[in-house]
Amino acid sequence: MTKIGIIICGRYKNCGGGKCLRSMRERVGGFALYPEDTELELVGYSFCGDCPGGNVEYVPDEMIRNGAEAIHLATGLVVGYPPCPRIGHFKEFIESRYGIPVVIGTHPIPMKYMKVHEHLSFWKNMKMDKMAGHLMNEDPAVMEAYD
């Protein structure tokens, strides 16, 4: 079993997590990185604390106390508009401070967002293909299913 924590964008702090939980069950998006025979358990779900991400300093500690072995930065940080300019900083800080792996992404990028974002210069400048390439290489039918 692998225990997971999820941090979402403050713009979506009222999100019920439906796409994130569905993708965890379906083993798509960021959760495709885990072996199929490994059970995943959600042990923490919170938001970044709004810009500039104040909760990122403290929330991982609580998740780790609940057994988190990996933390996912939700897909909304990648394809929300505008994408979070601090996502790389969050990943680096959490991994450095807490010594826990951070995965960029939860659910697959919905196709309707991918079609727009892949043409945006700032998305390319942020090197999202390097940070979240596994989300961009998802089966197009799966991405459409998350529209």
Foldseek 3Di string as FASTA:
>chain_A
DAEEAEEEAPVVQVDPCPQLVVCCVVCAFQSVPDDPPDHYHYQYYGYQPHPPRVCLVPRVVVSVVSPHQEYEYACCCLQPVVRRLCPVVSQVCCCVVPVHHYAYHGGAAAPVSCVPLVPDPVSVVSVCCVRRVSSVPTDNVRSNVVD
